[in-house]
Amino acid sequence: MIERMTRILDAFDGQQARISLEEIAYRAQLPRSTVYRILHQLVRSEWVEHTAFGYALGRRAAGLGGGEHARIRAAAAPLLHELHLRTDLVVHLTVLDGGDSLYLDKIGGSFATRLPSRVGGRAPAYSTAGGKAVLAWLEPEMIDGLYGRPLRRCTDRTIAEPADLHRELNRIRLRCGLAFERGESVNGVACAGAAVRGPEGPVAAVSLCGDARTTRLDTVAPLVAGAVREISRTLFPEPRISLGIRRKTSRPEQGWLSGSAERLMSAEAG
């Protein structure tokens, strides 16, 4: 059993963000059914994590110096510190784990003590700006599979109905992935978030949080968007393409940035 677990863990080379079950079985040279059974145990023990796009090394493996979470955190660290220095707001780096936002990093300011978030902590993804930014890039059927009904409330402003969540995620997609939150996770807190995305979908999110009475989301939103683009480029360098032909994307990356702050906040309120 130990030998088979080792062969499965060795299938993760650190360069592949997520690996399919079939690829793991091929690399480990084990039957698919055997790999599936062992992976299930490894996921329960947090040595491996299972996302919508495959398997990756989990929290315990990251604690030993490896894993996708460690790679994401290392790539994001300089940008998170820059965001905090420029805004004096609380900066979060999160990933989607089941239906929760799992906090990989938190850089505080004077407002940090009012936030219950902590590294290793969790919050329902639908209640946070970063979580909603990731959910917006998933298929609607996947969202329905993550949550029951009604949704658990964190405050009286938390989205409680799946239909309302789908409408909110559609608004985020119309803003090309920029998410807002006011008092949905913690009363009196306003946040702007955006997802770090790779070729296969969202892998993490960055958010800026501050006092809802004084934080101008229209001002900090472009900073968040710029940070996640840089983190995405670091994690997933775009291959050089000959003859000047660039890869087409199915959705615009920066379209919302060309609009005015008024248009941006109008979309938020809508």
C-alpha atoms as a PDB file:
ATOM      1  CA  MET A   1       0.000   0.000   0.000  1.00  0.00           C
ATOM      2  CA  ILE A   2       2.796   2.418   0.931  1.00  0.00           C
ATOM      3  CA  GLU A   3       4.592   1.679  -2.336  1.00  0.00           C
ATOM      4  CA  ARG A   4       1.454   2.429  -4.357  1.00  0.00           C
ATOM      5  CA  MET A   5       0.801   5.678  -2.452  1.00  0.00           C
ATOM      6  CA  THR A   6       4.392   6.726  -3.096  1.00  0.00           C
ATOM      7  CA  ARG A   7       4.065   6.029  -6.823  1.00  0.00           C
ATOM      8  CA  ILE A   8       0.899   8.135  -6.940  1.00  0.00           C
ATOM      9  CA  LEU A   9       2.465  11.066  -5.052  1.00  0.00           C
ATOM     10  CA  ASP A  10       5.532  10.841  -7.306  1.00  0.00           C
ATOM     11  CA  ALA A  11       3.216  11.406 -10.289  1.00  0.00           C
ATOM     12  CA  PHE A  12       2.962  15.062  -9.249  1.00  0.00           C
ATOM     13  CA  ASP A  13       6.013  16.780 -10.712  1.00  0.00           C
ATOM     14  CA  GLY A  14       5.373  20.289  -9.377  1.00  0.00           C
ATOM     15  CA  GLN A  15       5.148  21.762 -12.864  1.00  0.00           C
ATOM     16  CA  GLN A  16       1.681  20.449 -13.630  1.00  0.00           C
ATOM     17  CA  ALA A  17      -0.919  22.469 -11.739  1.00  0.00           C
ATOM     18  CA  ARG A  18      -3.576  19.767 -11.820  1.00  0.00           C
ATOM     19  CA  ILE A  19      -3.465  16.212 -13.141  1.00  0.00           C
ATOM     20  CA  SER A  20      -6.345  14.056 -14.275  1.00  0.00           C
ATOM     21  CA  LEU A  21      -7.067  10.648 -12.772  1.00  0.00           C
ATOM     22  CA  GLU A  22      -6.110   8.988 -16.048  1.00  0.00           C
ATOM     23  CA  GLU A  23      -2.766  10.793 -16.171  1.00  0.00           C
ATOM     24  CA  ILE A  24      -1.944   9.821 -12.581  1.00  0.00           C
ATOM     25  CA  ALA A  25      -2.764   6.182 -13.321  1.00  0.00           C
ATOM     26  CA  TYR A  26      -0.542   6.307 -16.422  1.00  0.00           C
ATOM     27  CA  ARG A  27       2.400   7.883 -14.600  1.00  0.00           C
ATOM     28  CA  ALA A  28       2.090   5.570 -11.579  1.00  0.00           C
ATOM     29  CA  GLN A  29       1.584   2.510 -13.800  1.00  0.00           C
ATOM     30  CA  LEU A  30      -1.352   1.391 -11.657  1.00  0.00           C
ATOM     31  CA  PRO A  31      -4.945   0.417 -12.476  1.00  0.00           C
ATOM     32  CA  ARG A  32      -7.348   3.342 -12.629  1.00  0.00           C
ATOM     33  CA  SER A  33      -9.616   1.819  -9.975  1.00  0.00           C
ATOM     34  CA  THR A  34      -6.682   1.395  -7.588  1.00  0.00           C
ATOM     35  CA  VAL A  35      -5.526   4.971  -8.133  1.00  0.00           C
ATOM     36  CA  TYR A  36      -9.046   6.301  -7.604  1.00  0.00           C
ATOM     37  CA  ARG A  37      -9.391   4.428  -4.295  1.00  0.00           C
ATOM     38  CA  ILE A  38      -6.027   5.594  -2.963  1.00  0.00           C
ATOM     39  CA  LEU A  39      -6.571   9.176  -4.133  1.00  0.00           C
ATOM     40  CA  HIS A  40      -9.850   9.225  -2.215  1.00  0.00           C
ATOM     41  CA  GLN A  41      -7.941   8.363   0.960  1.00  0.00           C
ATOM     42  CA  LEU A  42      -5.208  10.898   0.216  1.00  0.00           C
ATOM     43  CA  VAL A  43      -7.813  13.639  -0.323  1.00  0.00           C
ATOM     44  CA  ARG A  44      -9.463  12.825   3.010  1.00  0.00           C
ATOM     45  CA  SER A  45      -6.051  13.035   4.685  1.00  0.00           C
ATOM     46  CA  GLU A  46      -5.257  16.342   2.856  1.00  0.00           C
ATOM     47  CA  TRP A  47      -2.141  14.975   1.130  1.00  0.00           C
ATOM     48  CA  VAL A  48      -3.939  15.552  -2.181  1.00  0.00           C
ATOM     49  CA  GLU A  49      -6.682  18.007  -3.102  1.00  0.00           C
ATOM     50  CA  HIS A  50      -9.391  17.372  -5.680  1.00  0.00           C
ATOM     51  CA  THR A  51     -10.554  20.378  -7.691  1.00  0.00           C
ATOM     52  CA  ALA A  52     -12.951  20.750 -10.586  1.00  0.00           C
ATOM     53  CA  PHE A  53     -10.007  20.424 -12.984  1.00  0.00           C
ATOM     54  CA  GLY A  54      -8.129  17.462 -11.533  1.00  0.00           C
ATOM     55  CA  TYR A  55      -5.876  16.537  -8.636  1.00  0.00           C
ATOM     56  CA  ALA A  56      -3.042  18.499  -7.025  1.00  0.00           C
ATOM     57  CA  LEU A  57      -0.794  18.089  -4.016  1.00  0.00           C
ATOM     58  CA  GLY A  58      -2.618  19.161  -0.872  1.00  0.00           C
ATOM     59  CA  ARG A  59      -2.032  21.084   2.331  1.00  0.00           C
ATOM     60  CA  ARG A  60       0.135  18.469   4.021  1.00  0.00           C
ATOM     61  CA  ALA A  61       2.361  18.076   0.989  1.00  0.00           C
ATOM     62  CA  ALA A  62       2.624  21.871   0.754  1.00  0.00           C
ATOM     63  CA  GLY A  63       3.747  21.914   4.373  1.00  0.00           C
ATOM     64  CA  LEU A  64       6.692  19.749   3.348  1.00  0.00           C
ATOM     65  CA  GLY A  65       7.784  22.400   0.845  1.00  0.00           C
ATOM     66  CA  GLY A  66       5.790  21.384  -2.222  1.00  0.00           C
ATOM     67  CA  GLY A  67       2.286  21.476  -3.573  1.00  0.00           C
ATOM     68  CA  GLU A  68       0.244  23.781  -5.731  1.00  0.00           C
ATOM     69  CA  HIS A  69      -0.765  26.004  -2.810  1.00  0.00           C
ATOM     70  CA  ALA A  70       2.869  26.728  -1.997  1.00  0.00           C
ATOM     71  CA  ARG A  71       3.560  27.587  -5.643  1.00  0.00           C
ATOM     72  CA  ILE A  72       0.588  29.947  -5.818  1.00  0.00           C
ATOM     73  CA  ARG A  73       1.538  31.630  -2.562  1.00  0.00           C
ATOM     74  CA  ALA A  74       5.155  32.130  -3.686  1.00  0.00           C
ATOM     75  CA  ALA A  75       4.073  33.626  -7.016  1.00  0.00           C
ATOM     76  CA  ALA A  76       1.567  35.959  -5.368  1.00  0.00           C
ATOM     77  CA  ALA A  77       3.640  37.170  -2.393  1.00  0.00           C
ATOM     78  CA  PRO A  78       5.356  40.189  -4.030  1.00  0.00           C
ATOM     79  CA  LEU A  79       2.096  41.422  -5.535  1.00  0.00           C
ATOM     80  CA  LEU A  80       0.203  41.032  -2.264  1.00  0.00           C
ATOM     81  CA  HIS A  81       2.777  43.102  -0.404  1.00  0.00           C
ATOM     82  CA  GLU A  82       2.680  45.772  -3.104  1.00  0.00           C
ATOM     83  CA  LEU A  83      -1.122  45.950  -2.890  1.00  0.00           C
ATOM     84  CA  HIS A  84      -0.966  46.396   0.872  1.00  0.00           C
ATOM     85  CA  LEU A  85       1.696  49.112   0.646  1.00  0.00           C
ATOM     86  CA  ARG A  86      -0.289  51.031  -1.972  1.00  0.00           C
ATOM     87  CA  THR A  87      -3.662  50.835  -0.221  1.00  0.00           C
ATOM     88  CA  ASP A  88      -3.101  50.031   3.477  1.00  0.00           C
ATOM     89  CA  LEU A  89      -6.015  47.598   3.077  1.00  0.00           C
ATOM     90  CA  VAL A  90      -6.154  43.938   4.083  1.00  0.00           C
ATOM     91  CA  VAL A  91      -5.039  41.647   1.256  1.00  0.00           C
ATOM     92  CA  HIS A  92      -6.242  38.052   0.984  1.00  0.00           C
ATOM     93  CA  LEU A  93      -5.066  35.201  -1.220  1.00  0.00           C
ATOM     94  CA  THR A  94      -7.583  32.351  -1.361  1.00  0.00           C
ATOM     95  CA  VAL A  95      -8.310  29.154  -3.251  1.00  0.00           C
ATOM     96  CA  LEU A  96     -11.575  27.297  -3.710  1.00  0.00           C
ATOM     97  CA  ASP A  97     -11.734  24.171  -1.558  1.00  0.00           C
ATOM     98  CA  GLY A  98     -15.073  22.439  -1.941  1.00  0.00           C
ATOM     99  CA  GLY A  99     -17.558  25.269  -1.544  1.00  0.00           C
ATOM    100  CA  ASP A 100     -15.278  27.324   0.714  1.00  0.00           C
ATOM    101  CA  SER A 101     -12.643  29.952   0.215  1.00  0.00           C
ATOM    102  CA  LEU A 102      -9.480  28.654   1.896  1.00  0.00           C
ATOM    103  CA  TYR A 103      -7.120  31.448   2.975  1.00  0.00           C
ATOM    104  CA  LEU A 104      -3.532  30.885   1.827  1.00  0.00           C
ATOM    105  CA  ASP A 105      -2.256  34.316   2.850  1.00  0.00           C
ATOM    106  CA  LYS A 106      -3.386  37.439   4.675  1.00  0.00           C
ATOM    107  CA  ILE A 107      -1.495  40.714   4.831  1.00  0.00           C
ATOM    108  CA  GLY A 108      -2.989  43.069   7.355  1.00  0.00           C
ATOM    109  CA  GLY A 109      -3.183  46.750   8.007  1.00  0.00           C
ATOM    110  CA  SER A 110      -4.808  48.753  10.753  1.00  0.00           C
ATOM    111  CA  PHE A 111      -8.132  47.137   9.810  1.00  0.00           C
ATOM    112  CA  ALA A 112      -6.922  43.531   9.986  1.00  0.00           C
ATOM    113  CA  THR A 113      -7.942  42.895  13.592  1.00  0.00           C
ATOM    114  CA  ARG A 114     -11.601  43.435  12.667  1.00  0.00           C
ATOM    115  CA  LEU A 115     -11.498  40.584  10.198  1.00  0.00           C
ATOM    116  CA  PRO A 116     -11.804  36.994  11.480  1.00  0.00           C
ATOM    117  CA  SER A 117      -9.943  35.646   8.434  1.00  0.00           C
ATOM    118  CA  ARG A 118      -6.696  33.768   9.071  1.00  0.00           C
ATOM    119  CA  VAL A 119      -4.258  31.692   7.066  1.00  0.00           C
ATOM    120  CA  GLY A 120      -5.718  28.189   6.922  1.00  0.00           C
ATOM    121  CA  GLY A 121      -9.199  29.483   7.764  1.00  0.00           C
ATOM    122  CA  ARG A 122     -12.303  29.213   5.645  1.00  0.00           C
ATOM    123  CA  ALA A 123     -15.405  31.140   4.629  1.00  0.00           C
ATOM    124  CA  PRO A 124     -18.265  30.231   2.274  1.00  0.00           C
ATOM    125  CA  ALA A 125     -16.999  31.229  -1.171  1.00  0.00           C
ATOM    126  CA  TYR A 126     -20.333  32.784  -2.153  1.00  0.00           C
ATOM    127  CA  SER A 127     -20.026  35.271   0.736  1.00  0.00           C
ATOM    128  CA  THR A 128     -16.628  36.743  -0.223  1.00  0.00           C
ATOM    129  CA  ALA A 129     -15.441  38.834  -3.146  1.00  0.00           C
ATOM    130  CA  GLY A 130     -12.532  36.492  -3.871  1.00  0.00           C
ATOM    131  CA  GLY A 131     -14.727  33.412  -3.630  1.00  0.00           C
ATOM    132  CA  LYS A 132     -17.372  34.835  -5.957  1.00  0.00           C
ATOM    133  CA  ALA A 133     -14.650  35.840  -8.430  1.00  0.00           C
ATOM    134  CA  VAL A 134     -13.568  32.181  -8.664  1.00  0.00           C
ATOM    135  CA  LEU A 135     -17.115  30.792  -8.774  1.00  0.00           C
ATOM    136  CA  ALA A 136     -17.975  33.107 -11.669  1.00  0.00           C
ATOM    137  CA  TRP A 137     -15.617  31.173 -13.966  1.00  0.00           C
ATOM    138  CA  LEU A 138     -17.146  27.764 -13.172  1.00  0.00           C
ATOM    139  CA  GLU A 139     -20.025  26.162 -15.024  1.00  0.00           C
ATOM    140  CA  PRO A 140     -23.480  26.790 -13.463  1.00  0.00           C
ATOM    141  CA  GLU A 141     -23.995  23.051 -12.968  1.00  0.00           C
ATOM    142  CA  MET A 142     -20.812  22.919 -10.923  1.00  0.00           C
ATOM    143  CA  ILE A 143     -22.087  25.727  -8.693  1.00  0.00           C
ATOM    144  CA  ASP A 144     -25.335  23.847  -8.099  1.00  0.00           C
ATOM    145  CA  GLY A 145     -23.332  20.770  -7.149  1.00  0.00           C
ATOM    146  CA  LEU A 146     -21.344  22.685  -4.540  1.00  0.00           C
ATOM    147  CA  TYR A 147     -24.224  24.166  -2.563  1.00  0.00           C
ATOM    148  CA  GLY A 148     -27.574  23.151  -1.182  1.00  0.00           C
ATOM    149  CA  ARG A 149     -30.497  25.455  -0.636  1.00  0.00           C
ATOM    150  CA  PRO A 150     -30.893  27.790   1.066  1.00  0.00           C
ATOM    151  CA  LEU A 151     -27.295  28.963   1.368  1.00  0.00           C
ATOM    152  CA  ARG A 152     -25.960  29.454   4.874  1.00  0.00           C
ATOM    153  CA  ARG A 153     -25.907  33.121   5.874  1.00  0.00           C
ATOM    154  CA  CYS A 154     -22.891  34.793   7.465  1.00  0.00           C
ATOM    155  CA  THR A 155     -24.701  38.147   7.816  1.00  0.00           C
ATOM    156  CA  ASP A 156     -28.111  39.457   6.846  1.00  0.00           C
ATOM    157  CA  ARG A 157     -26.564  40.587   3.534  1.00  0.00           C
ATOM    158  CA  THR A 158     -25.230  37.158   2.524  1.00  0.00           C
ATOM    159  CA  ILE A 159     -26.694  35.711  -0.662  1.00  0.00           C
ATOM    160  CA  ALA A 160     -29.096  33.003   0.522  1.00  0.00           C
ATOM    161  CA  GLU A 161     -30.742  31.647  -2.643  1.00  0.00           C
ATOM    162  CA  PRO A 162     -29.003  29.780  -5.486  1.00  0.00           C
ATOM    163  CA  ALA A 163     -30.915  31.810  -8.093  1.00  0.00           C
ATOM    164  CA  ASP A 164     -29.591  35.047  -6.562  1.00  0.00           C
ATOM    165  CA  LEU A 165     -26.077  33.618  -6.544  1.00  0.00           C
ATOM    166  CA  HIS A 166     -26.294  32.771 -10.251  1.00  0.00           C
ATOM    167  CA  ARG A 167     -27.456  36.328 -11.021  1.00  0.00           C
ATOM    168  CA  GLU A 168     -24.547  37.747  -9.021  1.00  0.00           C
ATOM    169  CA  LEU A 169     -22.040  35.503 -10.795  1.00  0.00           C
ATOM    170  CA  ASN A 170     -23.422  36.590 -14.149  1.00  0.00           C
ATOM    171  CA  ARG A 171     -22.851  40.244 -13.168  1.00  0.00           C
ATOM    172  CA  ILE A 172     -19.269  39.354 -12.286  1.00  0.00           C
ATOM    173  CA  ARG A 173     -18.774  37.716 -15.687  1.00  0.00           C
ATOM    174  CA  LEU A 174     -20.137  40.861 -17.364  1.00  0.00           C
ATOM    175  CA  ARG A 175     -17.415  42.777 -15.501  1.00  0.00           C
ATOM    176  CA  CYS A 176     -14.850  40.303 -16.884  1.00  0.00           C
ATOM    177  CA  GLY A 177     -14.349  38.672 -13.498  1.00  0.00           C
ATOM    178  CA  LEU A 178     -14.294  41.556 -11.038  1.00  0.00           C
ATOM    179  CA  ALA A 179     -16.301  40.825  -7.869  1.00  0.00           C
ATOM    180  CA  PHE A 180     -17.530  43.095  -5.092  1.00  0.00           C
ATOM    181  CA  GLU A 181     -18.813  42.406  -1.616  1.00  0.00           C
ATOM    182  CA  ARG A 182     -20.228  44.672   1.066  1.00  0.00           C
ATOM    183  CA  GLY A 183     -21.021  43.101   4.404  1.00  0.00           C
ATOM    184  CA  GLU A 184     -21.828  39.663   2.977  1.00  0.00           C
ATOM    185  CA  SER A 185     -19.131  37.846   4.936  1.00  0.00           C
ATOM    186  CA  VAL A 186     -18.433  40.288   7.784  1.00  0.00           C
ATOM    187  CA  ASN A 187     -20.594  43.272   8.702  1.00  0.00           C
ATOM    188  CA  GLY A 188     -19.074  46.628   7.867  1.00  0.00           C
ATOM    189  CA  VAL A 189     -16.458  45.253   5.463  1.00  0.00           C
ATOM    190  CA  ALA A 190     -16.183  46.055   1.748  1.00  0.00           C
ATOM    191  CA  CYS A 191     -14.047  43.995  -0.651  1.00  0.00           C
ATOM    192  CA  ALA A 192     -13.051  43.837  -4.296  1.00  0.00           C
ATOM    193  CA  GLY A 193     -11.679  40.588  -5.705  1.00  0.00           C
ATOM    194  CA  ALA A 194     -10.606  38.919  -8.923  1.00  0.00           C
ATOM    195  CA  ALA A 195      -9.501  35.417  -9.856  1.00  0.00           C
ATOM    196  CA  VAL A 196      -6.056  34.223 -10.846  1.00  0.00           C
ATOM    197  CA  ARG A 197      -6.678  32.088 -13.920  1.00  0.00           C
ATOM    198  CA  GLY A 198      -4.733  29.526 -15.868  1.00  0.00           C
ATOM    199  CA  PRO A 199      -5.408  27.690 -19.116  1.00  0.00           C
ATOM    200  CA  GLU A 200      -7.885  25.360 -17.395  1.00  0.00           C
ATOM    201  CA  GLY A 201      -9.740  27.876 -15.252  1.00  0.00           C
ATOM    202  CA  PRO A 202      -9.455  29.778 -11.960  1.00  0.00           C
ATOM    203  CA  VAL A 203      -6.812  28.629  -9.480  1.00  0.00           C
ATOM    204  CA  ALA A 204      -6.936  31.338  -6.789  1.00  0.00           C
ATOM    205  CA  ALA A 205      -8.253  34.796  -5.980  1.00  0.00           C
ATOM    206  CA  VAL A 206      -6.896  38.048  -4.598  1.00  0.00           C
ATOM    207  CA  SER A 207      -9.065  40.501  -2.696  1.00  0.00           C
ATOM    208  CA  LEU A 208      -8.653  43.872  -0.995  1.00  0.00           C
ATOM    209  CA  CYS A 209     -10.791  44.511   2.081  1.00  0.00           C
ATOM    210  CA  GLY A 210     -11.447  47.585   4.181  1.00  0.00           C
ATOM    211  CA  ASP A 211     -13.998  49.555   6.137  1.00  0.00           C
ATOM    212  CA  ALA A 212     -17.203  49.792   4.081  1.00  0.00           C
ATOM    213  CA  ARG A 213     -17.656  53.428   5.172  1.00  0.00           C
ATOM    214  CA  THR A 214     -14.365  54.624   3.695  1.00  0.00           C
ATOM    215  CA  THR A 215     -13.129  52.067   1.144  1.00  0.00           C
ATOM    216  CA  ARG A 216     -13.564  53.173  -2.488  1.00  0.00           C
ATOM    217  CA  LEU A 217     -13.987  49.933  -4.403  1.00  0.00           C
ATOM    218  CA  ASP A 218     -13.869  51.777  -7.735  1.00  0.00           C
ATOM    219  CA  THR A 219     -10.390  53.030  -6.827  1.00  0.00           C
ATOM    220  CA  VAL A 220      -8.882  49.752  -5.647  1.00  0.00           C
ATOM    221  CA  ALA A 221     -10.524  47.481  -8.234  1.00  0.00           C
ATOM    222  CA  PRO A 222      -7.989  48.230 -11.021  1.00  0.00           C
ATOM    223  CA  LEU A 223      -5.157  47.415  -8.601  1.00  0.00           C
ATOM    224  CA  VAL A 224      -6.655  43.998  -7.863  1.00  0.00           C
ATOM    225  CA  ALA A 225      -7.152  43.293 -11.562  1.00  0.00           C
ATOM    226  CA  GLY A 226      -3.573  44.247 -12.347  1.00  0.00           C
ATOM    227  CA  ALA A 227      -2.226  42.047  -9.555  1.00  0.00           C
ATOM    228  CA  VAL A 228      -4.090  38.906 -10.628  1.00  0.00           C
ATOM    229  CA  ARG A 229      -2.926  39.372 -14.221  1.00  0.00           C
ATOM    230  CA  GLU A 230       0.694  39.509 -13.055  1.00  0.00           C
ATOM    231  CA  ILE A 231       0.276  36.467 -10.823  1.00  0.00           C
ATOM    232  CA  SER A 232      -1.355  34.566 -13.686  1.00  0.00           C
ATOM    233  CA  ARG A 233       1.563  35.413 -15.975  1.00  0.00           C
ATOM    234  CA  THR A 234       4.035  34.205 -13.358  1.00  0.00           C
ATOM    235  CA  LEU A 235       2.221  30.923 -12.772  1.00  0.00           C
ATOM    236  CA  PHE A 236       1.341  30.284 -16.408  1.00  0.00           C
ATOM    237  CA  PRO A 237       3.874  31.927 -18.741  1.00  0.00           C
ATOM    238  CA  GLU A 238       2.353  32.277 -22.181  1.00  0.00           C
ATOM    239  CA  PRO A 239       4.299  30.227 -24.725  1.00  0.00           C
ATOM    240  CA  ARG A 240       5.900  32.053 -27.602  1.00  0.00           C
ATOM    241  CA  ILE A 241       3.840  31.721 -30.747  1.00  0.00           C
ATOM    242  CA  SER A 242       5.499  32.097 -34.113  1.00  0.00           C
ATOM    243  CA  LEU A 243       4.393  34.334 -37.008  1.00  0.00           C
ATOM    244  CA  GLY A 244       2.966  36.911 -34.613  1.00  0.00           C
ATOM    245  CA  ILE A 245      -0.210  34.904 -34.041  1.00  0.00           C
ATOM    246  CA  ARG A 246      -1.500  35.178 -30.501  1.00  0.00           C
ATOM    247  CA  ARG A 247      -3.799  32.723 -28.797  1.00  0.00           C
ATOM    248  CA  LYS A 248      -7.409  33.794 -28.793  1.00  0.00           C
ATOM    249  CA  THR A 249      -9.327  33.953 -25.540  1.00  0.00           C
ATOM    250  CA  SER A 250     -13.012  33.264 -25.215  1.00  0.00           C
ATOM    251  CA  ARG A 251     -13.603  36.183 -22.888  1.00  0.00           C
ATOM    252  CA  PRO A 252     -12.033  39.654 -22.704  1.00  0.00           C
ATOM    253  CA  GLU A 253      -9.425  40.107 -19.999  1.00  0.00           C
ATOM    254  CA  GLN A 254      -9.373  43.873 -19.563  1.00  0.00           C
ATOM    255  CA  GLY A 255     -12.602  45.151 -21.046  1.00  0.00           C
ATOM    256  CA  TRP A 256     -13.963  46.544 -17.795  1.00  0.00           C
ATOM    257  CA  LEU A 257     -10.844  48.642 -17.258  1.00  0.00           C
ATOM    258  CA  SER A 258     -11.685  50.804 -20.246  1.00  0.00           C
ATOM    259  CA  GLY A 259     -14.925  52.006 -18.601  1.00  0.00           C
ATOM    260  CA  SER A 260     -15.308  54.837 -16.159  1.00  0.00           C
ATOM    261  CA  ALA A 261     -15.533  54.373 -12.399  1.00  0.00           C
ATOM    262  CA  GLU A 262     -19.195  55.328 -12.607  1.00  0.00           C
ATOM    263  CA  ARG A 263     -19.916  52.572 -15.118  1.00  0.00           C
ATOM    264  CA  LEU A 264     -18.013  50.095 -12.969  1.00  0.00           C
ATOM    265  CA  MET A 265     -19.981  50.846  -9.835  1.00  0.00           C
ATOM    266  CA  SER A 266     -23.234  50.962 -11.785  1.00  0.00           C
ATOM    267  CA  ALA A 267     -22.546  47.384 -12.849  1.00  0.00           C
ATOM    268  CA  GLU A 268     -21.866  46.513  -9.227  1.00  0.00           C
ATOM    269  CA  ALA A 269     -25.175  47.893  -8.070  1.00  0.00           C
ATOM    270  CA  GLY A 270     -27.053  46.183 -10.913  1.00  0.00           C
END
